[in-house]
C-alpha atoms as a PDB file:
ATOM      1  CA  MET A   1     205.790  58.868  56.006  1.00  0.00           C
ATOM      2  CA  LEU A   2     206.396  56.925  59.584  1.00  0.00           C
ATOM      3  CA  THR A   3     203.297  58.717  60.802  1.00  0.00           C
ATOM      4  CA  THR A   4     201.201  57.285  58.071  1.00  0.00           C
ATOM      5  CA  LEU A   5     201.886  53.627  58.420  1.00  0.00           C
ATOM      6  CA  LEU A   6     201.759  53.835  62.138  1.00  0.00           C
ATOM      7  CA  PRO A   7     198.345  54.103  62.404  1.00  0.00           C
ATOM      8  CA  GLY A   8     197.518  51.047  60.071  1.00  0.00           C
ATOM      9  CA  LEU A   9     200.406  49.030  61.926  1.00  0.00           C
ATOM     10  CA  ARG A  10     198.336  49.506  65.229  1.00  0.00           C
ATOM     11  CA  GLU A  11     194.722  48.492  63.467  1.00  0.00           C
ATOM     12  CA  PHE A  12     196.611  45.170  62.122  1.00  0.00           C
ATOM     13  CA  ARG A  13     199.005  44.192  65.311  1.00  0.00           C
ATOM     14  CA  THR A  14     195.281  43.547  67.280  1.00  0.00           C
ATOM     15  CA  PRO A  15     193.323  41.580  65.403  1.00  0.00           C
ATOM     16  CA  LEU A  16     197.174  39.907  64.532  1.00  0.00           C
ATOM     17  CA  ALA A  17     197.836  39.063  68.148  1.00  0.00           C
ATOM     18  CA  ILE A  18     194.373  37.843  69.761  1.00  0.00           C
ATOM     19  CA  GLY A  19     194.193  35.541  66.584  1.00  0.00           C
ATOM     20  CA  TYR A  20     197.038  33.794  67.640  1.00  0.00           C
ATOM     21  CA  MET A  21     196.082  33.655  70.915  1.00  0.00           C
ATOM     22  CA  TRP A  22     193.098  31.949  69.934  1.00  0.00           C
ATOM     23  CA  LEU A  23     194.840  29.489  67.405  1.00  0.00           C
ATOM     24  CA  LEU A  24     197.311  28.814  70.680  1.00  0.00           C
ATOM     25  CA  THR A  25     194.503  27.718  72.767  1.00  0.00           C
ATOM     26  CA  LEU A  26     192.787  25.732  69.865  1.00  0.00           C
ATOM     27  CA  TRP A  27     196.456  23.547  69.413  1.00  0.00           C
ATOM     28  CA  LEU A  28     196.600  23.448  73.302  1.00  0.00           C
ATOM     29  CA  ALA A  29     192.904  21.863  73.747  1.00  0.00           C
ATOM     30  CA  PHE A  30     192.934  19.779  70.895  1.00  0.00           C
ATOM     31  CA  HIS A  31     196.502  18.953  69.436  1.00  0.00           C
ATOM     32  CA  GLN A  32     196.589  15.421  71.066  1.00  0.00           C
ATOM     33  CA  SER A  33     193.474  14.562  69.362  1.00  0.00           C
ATOM     34  CA  VAL A  34     195.153  15.537  65.760  1.00  0.00           C
ATOM     35  CA  PRO A  35     196.722  12.337  63.956  1.00  0.00           C
ATOM     36  CA  ASP A  36     200.418  12.324  62.774  1.00  0.00           C
ATOM     37  CA  ARG A  37     201.130  12.811  59.249  1.00  0.00           C
ATOM     38  CA  ASP A  38     201.850   9.043  58.600  1.00  0.00           C
ATOM     39  CA  SER A  39     198.299   8.256  60.042  1.00  0.00           C
ATOM     40  CA  ALA A  40     195.965  11.288  59.024  1.00  0.00           C
ATOM     41  CA  THR A  41     192.961  10.954  56.860  1.00  0.00           C
ATOM     42  CA  GLY A  42     190.150  12.851  54.916  1.00  0.00           C
ATOM     43  CA  ILE A  43     190.834  16.636  55.087  1.00  0.00           C
ATOM     44  CA  VAL A  44     193.853  16.745  58.115  1.00  0.00           C
ATOM     45  CA  ALA A  45     195.491  14.602  55.225  1.00  0.00           C
ATOM     46  CA  ASP A  46     194.640  17.271  52.541  1.00  0.00           C
ATOM     47  CA  ILE A  47     196.001  19.767  54.853  1.00  0.00           C
ATOM     48  CA  TYR A  48     199.248  18.496  55.007  1.00  0.00           C
ATOM     49  CA  GLN A  49     199.547  18.037  51.615  1.00  0.00           C
ATOM     50  CA  LEU A  50     198.760  21.527  51.368  1.00  0.00           C
ATOM     51  CA  SER A  51     201.602  22.475  53.747  1.00  0.00           C
ATOM     52  CA  ASP A  52     203.868  20.425  52.291  1.00  0.00           C
ATOM     53  CA  ALA A  53     202.973  21.988  48.768  1.00  0.00           C
ATOM     54  CA  ALA A  54     203.342  25.869  50.124  1.00  0.00           C
ATOM     55  CA  GLY A  55     206.253  25.451  52.389  1.00  0.00           C
ATOM     56  CA  ARG A  56     207.247  26.810  55.375  1.00  0.00           C
ATOM     57  CA  PRO A  57     206.908  30.458  53.959  1.00  0.00           C
ATOM     58  CA  GLY A  58     203.654  29.653  52.979  1.00  0.00           C
ATOM     59  CA  SER A  59     202.074  27.591  55.507  1.00  0.00           C
ATOM     60  CA  LEU A  60     203.319  30.777  58.257  1.00  0.00           C
ATOM     61  CA  ALA A  61     201.432  33.714  55.628  1.00  0.00           C
ATOM     62  CA  ALA A  62     198.651  31.195  55.705  1.00  0.00           C
ATOM     63  CA  ILE A  63     198.280  30.581  59.621  1.00  0.00           C
ATOM     64  CA  THR A  64     198.977  34.531  59.514  1.00  0.00           C
ATOM     65  CA  LEU A  65     195.953  34.968  57.286  1.00  0.00           C
ATOM     66  CA  LEU A  66     193.730  32.532  59.629  1.00  0.00           C
ATOM     67  CA  ALA A  67     194.853  34.549  62.497  1.00  0.00           C
ATOM     68  CA  TYR A  68     194.374  37.748  61.788  1.00  0.00           C
ATOM     69  CA  ILE A  69     190.625  36.571  60.327  1.00  0.00           C
ATOM     70  CA  VAL A  70     190.087  34.852  64.003  1.00  0.00           C
ATOM     71  CA  GLY A  71     190.989  37.980  65.343  1.00  0.00           C
ATOM     72  CA  ALA A  72     188.898  40.866  63.452  1.00  0.00           C
ATOM     73  CA  ILE A  73     186.136  38.131  64.127  1.00  0.00           C
ATOM     74  CA  THR A  74     186.778  37.882  67.731  1.00  0.00           C
ATOM     75  CA  GLU A  75     188.303  41.783  68.756  1.00  0.00           C
ATOM     76  CA  VAL A  76     186.215  43.639  71.166  1.00  0.00           C
ATOM     77  CA  ASN A  77     185.857  47.420  71.638  1.00  0.00           C
ATOM     78  CA  SER A  78     187.375  48.818  74.481  1.00  0.00           C
ATOM     79  CA  ASN A  79     184.264  51.423  75.267  1.00  0.00           C
ATOM     80  CA  TRP A  80     181.851  48.636  74.448  1.00  0.00           C
ATOM     81  CA  LEU A  81     183.712  46.376  77.470  1.00  0.00           C
ATOM     82  CA  LEU A  82     183.099  49.418  79.852  1.00  0.00           C
ATOM     83  CA  ALA A  83     180.221  50.038  79.191  1.00  0.00           C
ATOM     84  CA  ALA A  84     179.217  46.244  79.384  1.00  0.00           C
ATOM     85  CA  ILE A  85     181.202  46.529  83.299  1.00  0.00           C
ATOM     86  CA  ASN A  86     179.227  49.338  84.249  1.00  0.00           C
ATOM     87  CA  VAL A  87     175.613  47.723  83.308  1.00  0.00           C
ATOM     88  CA  VAL A  88     176.917  45.109  85.666  1.00  0.00           C
ATOM     89  CA  LEU A  89     178.256  46.974  88.117  1.00  0.00           C
ATOM     90  CA  LYS A  90     174.858  48.489  88.550  1.00  0.00           C
ATOM     91  CA  HIS A  91     173.561  45.284  90.042  1.00  0.00           C
ATOM     92  CA  ILE A  92     176.182  45.356  92.795  1.00  0.00           C
ATOM     93  CA  PRO A  93     175.432  46.831  96.078  1.00  0.00           C
ATOM     94  CA  ARG A  94     177.650  49.785  97.068  1.00  0.00           C
ATOM     95  CA  ALA A  95     179.789  49.425  93.048  1.00  0.00           C
ATOM     96  CA  LYS A  96     180.792  52.450  92.002  1.00  0.00           C
ATOM     97  CA  PRO A  97     180.343  52.587  88.171  1.00  0.00           C
ATOM     98  CA  ILE A  98     183.912  53.338  86.236  1.00  0.00           C
ATOM     99  CA  GLU A  99     183.954  56.757  84.593  1.00  0.00           C
ATOM    100  CA  TRP A 100     184.718  57.271  81.299  1.00  0.00           C
ATOM    101  CA  VAL A 101     187.120  59.739  81.597  1.00  0.00           C
ATOM    102  CA  THR A 102     190.152  60.513  84.653  1.00  0.00           C
ATOM    103  CA  SER A 103     188.889  62.226  87.342  1.00  0.00           C
ATOM    104  CA  SER A 104     190.515  65.428  86.485  1.00  0.00           C
ATOM    105  CA  ALA A 105     188.543  65.172  83.448  1.00  0.00           C
ATOM    106  CA  SER A 106     185.882  64.635  85.005  1.00  0.00           C
ATOM    107  CA  ALA A 107     186.313  67.625  87.154  1.00  0.00           C
ATOM    108  CA  ASN A 108     187.076  69.836  83.498  1.00  0.00           C
ATOM    109  CA  LEU A 109     183.332  68.132  81.911  1.00  0.00           C
ATOM    110  CA  ALA A 110     181.632  68.739  85.192  1.00  0.00           C
ATOM    111  CA  GLN A 111     183.036  72.534  84.938  1.00  0.00           C
ATOM    112  CA  PHE A 112     181.700  72.597  81.551  1.00  0.00           C
ATOM    113  CA  VAL A 113     178.454  71.410  81.826  1.00  0.00           C
ATOM    114  CA  ARG A 114     177.720  73.820  84.526  1.00  0.00           C
ATOM    115  CA  THR A 115     179.054  76.646  82.615  1.00  0.00           C
ATOM    116  CA  ARG A 116     176.947  75.203  79.453  1.00  0.00           C
ATOM    117  CA  LEU A 117     173.746  75.597  81.828  1.00  0.00           C
ATOM    118  CA  ALA A 118     174.616  78.893  84.091  1.00  0.00           C
ATOM    119  CA  PRO A 119     172.967  81.078  81.350  1.00  0.00           C
ATOM    120  CA  LEU A 120     169.777  79.169  82.105  1.00  0.00           C
ATOM    121  CA  ARG A 121     167.148  81.334  84.229  1.00  0.00           C
ATOM    122  CA  PRO A 122     165.722  79.211  87.152  1.00  0.00           C
ATOM    123  CA  ALA A 123     162.382  78.843  85.296  1.00  0.00           C
ATOM    124  CA  GLU A 124     164.361  77.528  82.015  1.00  0.00           C
ATOM    125  CA  ALA A 125     166.612  75.090  83.879  1.00  0.00           C
ATOM    126  CA  GLY A 126     164.082  73.509  85.827  1.00  0.00           C
ATOM    127  CA  ASP A 127     165.671  70.296  87.585  1.00  0.00           C
ATOM    128  CA  ARG A 128     169.043  71.565  87.072  1.00  0.00           C
ATOM    129  CA  GLU A 129     170.501  68.223  88.326  1.00  0.00           C
ATOM    130  CA  GLU A 130     169.204  66.086  85.635  1.00  0.00           C
ATOM    131  CA  LEU A 131     169.631  68.461  82.863  1.00  0.00           C
ATOM    132  CA  GLU A 132     173.042  68.271  83.751  1.00  0.00           C
ATOM    133  CA  ALA A 133     173.244  64.361  84.169  1.00  0.00           C
ATOM    134  CA  ARG A 134     171.292  64.292  80.404  1.00  0.00           C
ATOM    135  CA  LEU A 135     174.446  66.826  78.914  1.00  0.00           C
ATOM    136  CA  TRP A 136     176.815  64.191  80.275  1.00  0.00           C
ATOM    137  CA  GLU A 137     174.870  61.061  78.670  1.00  0.00           C
ATOM    138  CA  ILE A 138     175.088  63.351  75.540  1.00  0.00           C
ATOM    139  CA  ILE A 139     178.585  64.329  75.568  1.00  0.00           C
ATOM    140  CA  ALA A 140     179.724  60.292  76.380  1.00  0.00           C
ATOM    141  CA  ASN A 141     177.842  59.098  73.496  1.00  0.00           C
ATOM    142  CA  ASP A 142     178.908  61.659  71.228  1.00  0.00           C
ATOM    143  CA  ARG A 143     182.566  60.683  71.219  1.00  0.00           C
ATOM    144  CA  ASP A 144     183.375  59.235  68.100  1.00  0.00           C
ATOM    145  CA  GLN A 145     181.837  62.432  66.435  1.00  0.00           C
ATOM    146  CA  ILE A 146     183.943  64.734  68.632  1.00  0.00           C
ATOM    147  CA  ALA A 147     186.613  62.457  67.534  1.00  0.00           C
ATOM    148  CA  ILE A 148     185.872  62.843  64.106  1.00  0.00           C
ATOM    149  CA  ARG A 149     185.637  66.818  64.457  1.00  0.00           C
ATOM    150  CA  LEU A 150     189.077  66.814  66.522  1.00  0.00           C
ATOM    151  CA  GLN A 151     190.763  64.954  63.456  1.00  0.00           C
ATOM    152  CA  ASN A 152     189.467  67.245  61.037  1.00  0.00           C
ATOM    153  CA  SER A 153     190.727  70.334  63.175  1.00  0.00           C
ATOM    154  CA  ARG A 154     193.490  69.237  65.907  1.00  0.00           C
ATOM    155  CA  ARG A 155     195.692  66.530  63.934  1.00  0.00           C
ATOM    156  CA  GLU A 156     198.157  66.384  66.435  1.00  0.00           C
ATOM    157  CA  MET A 157     195.634  66.105  69.607  1.00  0.00           C
ATOM    158  CA  TYR A 158     193.735  63.523  67.615  1.00  0.00           C
ATOM    159  CA  ALA A 159     196.853  61.281  66.712  1.00  0.00           C
ATOM    160  CA  ASP A 160     197.417  61.117  70.824  1.00  0.00           C
ATOM    161  CA  HIS A 161     193.403  60.262  70.993  1.00  0.00           C
ATOM    162  CA  ASP A 162     194.473  57.295  68.412  1.00  0.00           C
ATOM    163  CA  ARG A 163     197.619  56.205  69.755  1.00  0.00           C
ATOM    164  CA  LEU A 164     196.148  56.084  73.637  1.00  0.00           C
ATOM    165  CA  ALA A 165     192.997  54.374  72.033  1.00  0.00           C
ATOM    166  CA  ALA A 166     194.974  51.879  69.599  1.00  0.00           C
ATOM    167  CA  GLU A 167     196.786  50.747  72.972  1.00  0.00           C
ATOM    168  CA  ALA A 168     193.399  50.284  75.173  1.00  0.00           C
ATOM    169  CA  ASP A 169     192.196  47.832  72.247  1.00  0.00           C
ATOM    170  CA  PHE A 170     195.796  46.123  72.198  1.00  0.00           C
ATOM    171  CA  ARG A 171     195.435  45.671  75.643  1.00  0.00           C
ATOM    172  CA  VAL A 172     192.305  44.891  76.600  1.00  0.00           C
ATOM    173  CA  ASN A 173     191.693  42.538  73.651  1.00  0.00           C
ATOM    174  CA  VAL A 174     195.165  40.798  74.453  1.00  0.00           C
ATOM    175  CA  GLY A 175     194.053  40.176  78.093  1.00  0.00           C
ATOM    176  CA  ILE A 176     191.028  38.559  76.986  1.00  0.00           C
ATOM    177  CA  ALA A 177     192.514  36.159  74.240  1.00  0.00           C
ATOM    178  CA  LEU A 178     194.931  35.468  76.961  1.00  0.00           C
ATOM    179  CA  LEU A 179     192.463  33.891  78.979  1.00  0.00           C
ATOM    180  CA  GLY A 180     191.718  30.879  76.776  1.00  0.00           C
ATOM    181  CA  PRO A 181     195.580  29.540  76.804  1.00  0.00           C
ATOM    182  CA  VAL A 182     194.855  29.713  80.492  1.00  0.00           C
ATOM    183  CA  ALA A 183     191.993  28.420  81.118  1.00  0.00           C
ATOM    184  CA  VAL A 184     193.094  25.083  78.754  1.00  0.00           C
ATOM    185  CA  LEU A 185     196.363  25.046  81.183  1.00  0.00           C
ATOM    186  CA  SER A 186     194.628  25.378  84.567  1.00  0.00           C
ATOM    187  CA  SER A 187     192.041  22.403  83.672  1.00  0.00           C
ATOM    188  CA  HIS A 188     195.245  20.396  83.126  1.00  0.00           C
ATOM    189  CA  ASP A 189     197.142  22.072  86.099  1.00  0.00           C
ATOM    190  CA  PRO A 190     195.500  23.914  88.964  1.00  0.00           C
ATOM    191  CA  TYR A 191     198.718  26.190  90.104  1.00  0.00           C
ATOM    192  CA  PHE A 192     198.004  27.577  86.483  1.00  0.00           C
ATOM    193  CA  LEU A 193     194.771  29.305  88.097  1.00  0.00           C
ATOM    194  CA  PHE A 194     197.814  32.082  89.648  1.00  0.00           C
ATOM    195  CA  SER A 195     198.348  33.290  86.249  1.00  0.00           C
ATOM    196  CA  LEU A 196     194.801  34.648  85.473  1.00  0.00           C
ATOM    197  CA  ALA A 197     195.891  38.109  87.457  1.00  0.00           C
ATOM    198  CA  LEU A 198     198.066  38.476  83.938  1.00  0.00           C
ATOM    199  CA  PRO A 199     194.801  38.594  81.626  1.00  0.00           C
ATOM    200  CA  ILE A 200     193.017  40.430  84.087  1.00  0.00           C
ATOM    201  CA  TRP A 201     195.749  43.193  84.756  1.00  0.00           C
ATOM    202  CA  LEU A 202     196.186  43.672  81.219  1.00  0.00           C
ATOM    203  CA  VAL A 203     192.119  44.619  80.519  1.00  0.00           C
ATOM    204  CA  PHE A 204     192.365  46.675  83.294  1.00  0.00           C
ATOM    205  CA  ARG A 205     195.368  48.912  82.521  1.00  0.00           C
ATOM    206  CA  GLY A 206     193.840  48.229  78.799  1.00  0.00           C
ATOM    207  CA  LEU A 207     190.421  50.202  80.277  1.00  0.00           C
ATOM    208  CA  MET A 208     192.598  52.703  82.165  1.00  0.00           C
ATOM    209  CA  ARG A 209     194.334  53.800  79.051  1.00  0.00           C
ATOM    210  CA  LEU A 210     190.841  53.671  77.399  1.00  0.00           C
ATOM    211  CA  ARG A 211     190.392  56.729  79.650  1.00  0.00           C
ATOM    212  CA  GLN A 212     193.139  58.552  79.370  1.00  0.00           C
ATOM    213  CA  SER A 213     192.266  58.116  75.592  1.00  0.00           C
ATOM    214  CA  ASN A 214     189.130  59.759  76.241  1.00  0.00           C
ATOM    215  CA  ASP A 215     190.733  62.717  78.208  1.00  0.00           C
ATOM    216  CA  VAL A 216     191.638  63.831  75.153  1.00  0.00           C
ATOM    217  CA  LEU A 217     188.620  64.306  73.449  1.00  0.00           C
ATOM    218  CA  ALA A 218     186.986  66.152  76.988  1.00  0.00           C
ATOM    219  CA  GLN A 219     189.787  68.189  76.625  1.00  0.00           C
ATOM    220  CA  ALA A 220     189.393  69.321  73.469  1.00  0.00           C
ATOM    221  CA  LEU A 221     185.295  69.630  73.815  1.00  0.00           C
ATOM    222  CA  VAL A 222     186.360  72.239  77.242  1.00  0.00           C
ATOM    223  CA  LYS A 223     188.714  73.622  75.391  1.00  0.00           C
ATOM    224  CA  ASP A 224     186.540  74.364  72.343  1.00  0.00           C
ATOM    225  CA  GLN A 225     188.926  72.701  69.852  1.00  0.00           C
ATOM    226  CA  ALA A 226     186.531  70.351  69.012  1.00  0.00           C
ATOM    227  CA  ASP A 227     182.455  70.490  69.364  1.00  0.00           C
ATOM    228  CA  SER A 228     179.391  68.193  69.911  1.00  0.00           C
ATOM    229  CA  SER A 229     176.582  68.434  67.634  1.00  0.00           C
ATOM    230  CA  GLY A 230     174.924  66.666  70.398  1.00  0.00           C
ATOM    231  CA  VAL A 231     175.866  69.430  72.947  1.00  0.00           C
ATOM    232  CA  THR A 232     174.380  71.816  70.236  1.00  0.00           C
ATOM    233  CA  ALA A 233     171.069  70.161  69.462  1.00  0.00           C
ATOM    234  CA  PHE A 234     170.351  69.820  73.311  1.00  0.00           C
ATOM    235  CA  MET A 235     171.119  73.448  74.469  1.00  0.00           C
ATOM    236  CA  GLU A 236     168.961  74.586  71.143  1.00  0.00           C
ATOM    237  CA  GLU A 237     166.233  72.089  72.300  1.00  0.00           C
ATOM    238  CA  LEU A 238     166.143  73.930  75.846  1.00  0.00           C
ATOM    239  CA  ALA A 239     166.145  77.355  74.379  1.00  0.00           C
ATOM    240  CA  ALA A 240     163.311  76.641  71.755  1.00  0.00           C
ATOM    241  CA  ALA A 241     161.138  75.015  75.165  1.00  0.00           C
ATOM    242  CA  ALA A 242     162.068  78.303  76.873  1.00  0.00           C
ATOM    243  CA  GLN A 243     160.814  80.462  74.186  1.00  0.00           C
ATOM    244  CA  ALA A 244     157.596  78.373  74.058  1.00  0.00           C
ATOM    245  CA  SER A 245     156.784  78.880  77.490  1.00  0.00           C
END
Protein backbone atom coordinates (compact mmCIF):
# COMPACT_ATOMS: atom_id res chain seq x y z
CA MET A 1 0.00 0.00 0.00
CA LEU A 2 2.86 2.38 0.84
CA THR A 3 4.43 1.84 -2.59
CA THR A 4 1.09 2.79 -4.13
CA LEU A 5 0.81 6.00 -2.10
CA LEU A 6 4.39 7.24 -2.47
CA PRO A 7 4.20 8.15 -6.20
CA GLY A 8 1.07 10.19 -5.49
CA LEU A 9 2.71 11.97 -2.56
CA ARG A 10 5.74 12.77 -4.72
CA GLU A 11 3.43 14.28 -7.34
CA PHE A 12 1.77 16.43 -4.67
CA ARG A 13 4.80 17.69 -2.74
CA THR A 14 6.56 19.61 -5.52
CA PRO A 15 3.73 21.93 -6.61
CA LEU A 16 2.70 22.43 -2.98
CA ALA A 17 6.22 23.36 -1.82
CA ILE A 18 6.94 25.77 -4.67
CA GLY A 19 3.42 27.23 -4.42
CA TYR A 20 4.10 28.13 -0.79
CA MET A 21 7.44 29.62 -1.87
CA TRP A 22 5.78 31.92 -4.41
CA LEU A 23 3.08 32.93 -1.93
CA LEU A 24 5.83 33.73 0.57
CA THR A 25 7.51 35.84 -2.11
CA LEU A 26 4.29 37.80 -2.69
CA TRP A 27 3.81 38.29 1.04
CA LEU A 28 7.37 39.55 1.51
CA ALA A 29 6.99 41.91 -1.42
CA PHE A 30 3.55 43.37 -0.69
CA HIS A 31 2.57 42.68 2.94
CA GLN A 32 3.28 46.27 3.97
CA SER A 33 0.79 47.49 1.34
CA VAL A 34 -2.05 45.27 2.60
CA PRO A 35 -4.37 47.18 4.97
CA ASP A 36 -5.08 45.72 8.40
CA ARG A 37 -8.43 44.23 9.34
CA ASP A 38 -9.86 47.47 10.77
CA SER A 39 -8.99 49.71 7.81
CA ALA A 40 -9.58 47.20 5.01
CA THR A 41 -12.23 47.90 2.37
CA GLY A 42 -13.51 46.20 -0.77
CA ILE A 43 -12.17 42.78 -1.69
CA VAL A 44 -9.56 42.84 1.08
CA ALA A 45 -12.31 43.31 3.67
CA ASP A 46 -14.27 40.47 2.02
CA ILE A 47 -11.25 38.18 2.33
CA TYR A 48 -10.96 39.03 6.04
CA GLN A 49 -14.66 38.21 6.53
CA LEU A 50 -14.32 34.95 4.63
CA SER A 51 -11.30 34.04 6.77
CA ASP A 52 -13.31 34.70 9.94
CA ALA A 53 -16.17 32.56 8.69
CA ALA A 54 -13.92 29.66 7.66
CA GLY A 55 -11.77 29.76 10.80
CA ARG A 56 -8.10 28.86 10.93
CA PRO A 57 -8.48 25.29 9.59
CA GLY A 58 -10.56 26.51 6.65
CA SER A 59 -8.19 29.38 5.94
CA LEU A 60 -5.19 27.04 6.04
CA ALA A 61 -6.97 24.66 3.65
CA ALA A 62 -7.73 27.53 1.26
CA ILE A 63 -4.13 28.77 1.34
CA THR A 64 -2.88 25.23 0.76
CA LEU A 65 -5.19 24.81 -2.23
CA LEU A 66 -4.07 28.15 -3.63
CA ALA A 67 -0.42 27.19 -3.10
CA TYR A 68 -0.98 23.91 -4.93
CA ILE A 69 -2.63 25.67 -7.89
CA VAL A 70 0.16 28.26 -8.10
CA GLY A 71 2.76 25.50 -7.86
CA ALA A 72 1.08 23.35 -10.52
CA ILE A 73 1.05 26.33 -12.90
CA THR A 74 4.67 27.34 -12.29
CA GLU A 75 6.25 23.87 -12.03
CA VAL A 76 9.16 23.34 -14.41
CA ASN A 77 10.13 20.05 -16.05
CA SER A 78 13.76 19.24 -15.22
CA ASN A 79 14.46 17.80 -18.67
CA TRP A 80 13.19 20.99 -20.28
CA LEU A 81 15.40 23.08 -18.01
CA LEU A 82 18.43 20.97 -18.89
CA ALA A 83 17.66 21.37 -22.60
CA ALA A 84 17.27 25.14 -22.18
CA ILE A 85 20.58 25.39 -20.32
CA ASN A 86 22.32 23.46 -23.10
CA VAL A 87 20.86 25.83 -25.72
CA VAL A 88 22.43 28.74 -23.82
CA LEU A 89 25.74 26.90 -23.39
CA LYS A 90 25.97 26.34 -27.15
CA HIS A 91 26.32 30.10 -27.61
CA ILE A 92 29.06 30.42 -24.99
CA PRO A 93 32.61 29.91 -26.32
CA ARG A 94 34.38 26.83 -24.91
CA ALA A 95 31.32 25.87 -22.85
CA LYS A 96 30.40 22.20 -22.96
CA PRO A 97 26.77 21.05 -22.86
CA ILE A 98 25.54 19.03 -19.88
CA GLU A 99 24.87 15.46 -20.93
CA TRP A 100 21.51 13.96 -19.98
CA VAL A 101 23.26 10.94 -18.41
CA THR A 102 26.36 10.53 -16.24
CA SER A 103 29.73 9.71 -17.76
CA SER A 104 29.51 5.99 -16.97
CA ALA A 105 26.07 5.65 -18.56
CA SER A 106 27.28 7.73 -21.50
CA ALA A 107 30.08 5.23 -22.10
CA ASN A 108 27.62 2.33 -22.01
CA LEU A 109 25.30 4.11 -24.44
CA ALA A 110 28.20 4.86 -26.77
CA GLN A 111 29.03 1.16 -26.86
CA PHE A 112 25.36 0.35 -27.45
CA VAL A 113 25.22 2.77 -30.40
CA ARG A 114 28.41 1.39 -31.93
CA THR A 115 27.13 -2.18 -31.51
CA ARG A 116 23.85 -1.34 -33.25
CA LEU A 117 25.65 0.25 -36.19
CA ALA A 118 28.46 -2.34 -36.40
CA PRO A 119 26.62 -4.77 -38.76
CA LEU A 120 26.35 -2.06 -41.41
CA ARG A 121 28.81 -2.37 -44.26
CA PRO A 122 30.93 0.73 -44.98
CA ALA A 123 28.80 1.56 -48.04
CA GLU A 124 25.64 1.35 -45.94
CA ALA A 125 27.03 3.18 -42.95
CA GLY A 126 28.06 6.31 -44.85
CA ASP A 127 29.23 8.89 -42.37
CA ARG A 128 29.27 6.71 -39.27
CA GLU A 129 29.85 9.62 -36.90
CA GLU A 130 26.76 11.35 -38.25
CA LEU A 131 24.70 8.17 -37.86
CA GLU A 132 25.93 7.74 -34.28
CA ALA A 133 24.98 11.34 -33.50
CA ARG A 134 21.50 10.79 -34.97
CA LEU A 135 21.01 7.60 -32.99
CA TRP A 136 22.12 9.39 -29.80
CA GLU A 137 19.56 12.11 -30.46
CA ILE A 138 16.82 9.57 -31.09
CA ILE A 139 17.54 7.81 -27.79
CA ALA A 140 17.54 11.12 -25.90
CA ASN A 141 14.21 12.13 -27.43
CA ASP A 142 12.73 8.70 -26.73
CA ARG A 143 13.25 8.83 -22.94
CA ASP A 144 9.58 9.17 -22.05
CA GLN A 145 8.62 6.16 -24.16
CA ILE A 146 11.49 4.09 -22.76
CA ALA A 147 10.24 4.93 -19.26
CA ILE A 148 6.70 3.81 -20.13
CA ARG A 149 7.94 0.53 -21.56
CA LEU A 150 10.19 0.01 -18.56
CA GLN A 151 7.17 0.49 -16.29
CA ASN A 152 5.46 -2.40 -18.06
CA SER A 153 8.47 -4.72 -18.12
CA ARG A 154 10.56 -3.94 -15.00
CA ARG A 155 8.47 -2.25 -12.32
CA GLU A 156 11.22 -2.16 -9.67
CA MET A 157 13.67 -0.62 -12.09
CA TYR A 158 11.05 1.91 -13.17
CA ALA A 159 10.36 2.74 -9.51
CA ASP A 160 14.04 3.68 -9.09
CA HIS A 161 13.85 5.93 -12.15
CA ASP A 162 10.59 7.52 -10.99
CA ARG A 163 11.93 8.19 -7.48
CA LEU A 164 15.10 9.83 -8.79
CA ALA A 165 13.16 11.87 -11.36
CA ALA A 166 10.73 13.09 -8.66
CA GLU A 167 13.65 14.10 -6.42
CA ALA A 168 15.22 15.94 -9.35
CA ASP A 169 12.02 17.86 -10.10
CA PHE A 170 11.59 18.72 -6.41
CA ARG A 171 15.11 20.11 -6.01
CA VAL A 172 15.07 22.01 -9.29
CA ASN A 173 11.68 23.59 -8.68
CA VAL A 174 12.34 24.47 -5.04
CA GLY A 175 15.63 26.03 -6.09
CA ILE A 176 13.92 28.14 -8.75
CA ALA A 177 11.07 29.16 -6.42
CA LEU A 178 13.55 30.04 -3.68
CA LEU A 179 14.95 32.73 -5.98
CA GLY A 180 11.79 34.73 -5.30
CA PRO A 181 12.22 35.25 -1.53
CA VAL A 182 15.97 35.72 -1.99
CA ALA A 183 15.37 38.44 -4.60
CA VAL A 184 12.86 40.29 -2.41
CA LEU A 185 15.05 40.10 0.68
CA SER A 186 18.10 41.18 -1.32
CA SER A 187 16.25 44.30 -2.45
CA HIS A 188 16.04 45.31 1.23
CA ASP A 189 19.46 44.11 2.31
CA PRO A 190 22.24 43.38 -0.23
CA TYR A 191 23.82 40.89 2.15
CA PHE A 192 21.04 38.46 1.25
CA LEU A 193 22.63 38.18 -2.21
CA PHE A 194 25.05 35.69 -0.66
CA SER A 195 22.09 33.38 -0.09
CA LEU A 196 21.74 33.02 -3.88
CA ALA A 197 24.19 30.15 -3.54
CA LEU A 198 21.46 28.00 -1.93
CA PRO A 199 18.89 28.02 -4.79
CA ILE A 200 21.65 27.69 -7.38
CA TRP A 201 23.07 24.71 -5.50
CA LEU A 202 19.61 23.12 -5.26
CA VAL A 203 19.06 23.46 -9.01
CA PHE A 204 22.50 22.00 -9.69
CA ARG A 205 21.88 19.04 -7.39
CA GLY A 206 18.50 18.53 -9.00
CA LEU A 207 20.03 18.33 -12.47
CA MET A 208 22.61 15.84 -11.21
CA ARG A 209 19.79 13.72 -9.78
CA LEU A 210 18.01 13.98 -13.13
CA ARG A 211 21.04 12.50 -14.86
CA GLN A 212 20.97 9.61 -12.39
CA SER A 213 17.31 8.96 -13.19
CA ASN A 214 18.14 8.96 -16.89
CA ASP A 215 20.96 6.49 -16.18
CA VAL A 216 18.29 3.96 -15.23
CA LEU A 217 16.65 4.35 -18.64
CA ALA A 218 20.00 4.07 -20.40
CA GLN A 219 20.83 0.92 -18.44
CA ALA A 220 17.46 -0.59 -19.31
CA LEU A 221 18.02 0.12 -23.00
CA VAL A 222 21.57 -1.23 -23.02
CA LYS A 223 20.53 -4.46 -21.23
CA ASP A 224 17.45 -4.98 -23.45
CA GLN A 225 15.13 -4.55 -20.47
CA ALA A 226 13.24 -1.87 -22.39
CA ASP A 227 13.26 -0.97 -26.05
CA SER A 228 12.92 2.18 -28.10
CA SER A 229 10.62 2.38 -31.09
CA GLY A 230 12.72 5.29 -32.34
CA VAL A 231 15.87 3.16 -32.42
CA THR A 232 13.99 0.30 -34.09
CA ALA A 233 12.53 2.60 -36.75
CA PHE A 234 15.91 4.18 -37.41
CA MET A 235 17.61 0.82 -37.89
CA GLU A 236 14.79 -0.32 -40.19
CA GLU A 237 15.20 2.88 -42.18
CA LEU A 238 18.92 2.19 -42.63
CA ALA A 239 18.24 -1.39 -43.65
CA ALA A 240 15.62 -0.31 -46.20
CA ALA A 241 17.99 2.31 -47.64
CA ALA A 242 20.72 -0.35 -47.97
CA GLN A 243 18.38 -2.70 -49.82
CA ALA A 244 17.21 0.06 -52.14
CA SER A 245 20.80 0.85 -53.09
